[in-house]
Amino acid sequence: MQVNVKKVSDISKLVRELRHQKGLSQEKASALAGVGRRFFSELERGEKESLDLGKVLQVLRKFGVKLTLEARTGKDPHDEL
């Protein structure tokens, strides 16, 4: 599965979907990922734009997600900069 991430809520949806696929509660998933239940809940809700990136990556790794960043080069009119 490939997800085009443009905002925090895109990651949130993926984490929530993967947790449901594995049949885990937030409490169990957060314990397995080594993060607090509150952090995990905030990540899944996607309401907070500022989450600890290290912890987000930790959760993604535990769910088997490989994160790849692609830097756009050239003069694409859709590029931000």
Protein backbone atom coordinates (compact mmCIF):
# COMPACT_ATOMS: atom_id res chain seq x y z
CA MET A 1 0.00 0.00 0.00
CA GLN A 2 1.33 3.44 -0.89
CA VAL A 3 0.12 6.63 0.78
CA ASN A 4 0.77 10.15 -0.47
CA VAL A 5 1.29 12.12 2.75
CA LYS A 6 0.40 15.80 2.58
CA LYS A 7 -0.76 16.34 6.15
CA VAL A 8 -0.68 14.69 9.56
CA SER A 9 -4.17 13.27 9.11
CA ASP A 10 -2.89 11.15 6.19
CA ILE A 11 -0.52 9.36 8.57
CA SER A 12 -3.28 9.17 11.18
CA LYS A 13 -5.63 7.36 8.82
CA LEU A 14 -2.93 4.86 7.89
CA VAL A 15 -2.03 4.10 11.52
CA ARG A 16 -5.68 3.69 12.49
CA GLU A 17 -6.34 1.40 9.51
CA LEU A 18 -3.29 -0.77 10.28
CA ARG A 19 -4.25 -1.03 13.95
CA HIS A 20 -7.77 -2.14 13.02
CA GLN A 21 -6.40 -4.70 10.53
CA LYS A 22 -4.32 -6.22 13.33
CA GLY A 23 -7.27 -6.20 15.73
CA LEU A 24 -5.44 -4.16 18.36
CA SER A 25 -6.81 -1.69 20.86
CA GLN A 26 -5.07 1.67 21.13
CA GLU A 27 -3.76 0.61 24.52
CA LYS A 28 -2.19 -2.60 23.17
CA ALA A 29 -0.85 -0.93 20.00
CA SER A 30 0.75 1.91 21.96
CA ALA A 31 2.39 -0.56 24.36
CA LEU A 32 3.75 -2.65 21.48
CA ALA A 33 5.09 0.51 19.78
CA GLY A 34 6.67 1.75 23.00
CA VAL A 35 4.76 5.03 23.14
CA GLY A 36 2.18 6.35 25.57
CA ARG A 37 -1.53 5.77 25.05
CA ARG A 38 -2.19 9.52 24.94
CA PHE A 39 0.44 10.05 22.22
CA PHE A 40 -0.97 7.15 20.19
CA SER A 41 -4.49 8.54 20.49
CA GLU A 42 -3.35 12.01 19.39
CA LEU A 43 -1.52 10.47 16.44
CA GLU A 44 -4.58 8.50 15.32
CA ARG A 45 -6.91 11.49 15.66
CA GLY A 46 -4.62 13.64 13.52
CA GLU A 47 -5.81 16.76 15.27
CA LYS A 48 -2.37 17.85 16.46
CA GLU A 49 -0.01 19.16 13.80
CA SER A 50 3.03 18.99 16.10
CA LEU A 51 3.87 15.45 17.18
CA ASP A 52 7.31 14.08 18.06
CA LEU A 53 8.64 12.84 14.71
CA GLY A 54 10.83 10.24 16.39
CA LYS A 55 7.81 8.71 18.10
CA VAL A 56 5.76 8.82 14.89
CA LEU A 57 8.55 6.95 13.09
CA GLN A 58 8.72 4.46 15.96
CA VAL A 59 5.00 3.69 15.60
CA LEU A 60 5.28 3.38 11.81
CA ARG A 61 8.22 0.96 12.12
CA LYS A 62 6.28 -1.24 14.55
CA PHE A 63 3.47 -1.45 11.99
CA GLY A 64 5.96 -2.39 9.27
CA VAL A 65 5.73 0.90 7.39
CA LYS A 66 8.72 1.93 5.30
CA LEU A 67 8.92 5.70 4.99
CA THR A 68 10.49 7.14 1.85
CA LEU A 69 10.88 10.84 1.15
CA GLU A 70 11.16 12.14 -2.38
CA ALA A 71 12.68 15.53 -3.10
CA ARG A 72 11.24 17.11 -6.21
CA THR A 73 13.69 18.78 -8.49
CA GLY A 74 13.08 20.94 -11.50
CA LYS A 75 10.50 23.57 -12.19
CA ASP A 76 7.22 21.85 -11.53
CA PRO A 77 4.51 24.52 -11.10
CA HIS A 78 3.06 22.46 -8.26
CA ASP A 79 6.27 22.61 -6.20
CA GLU A 80 5.93 24.63 -3.04
CA LEU A 81 9.26 26.46 -3.36
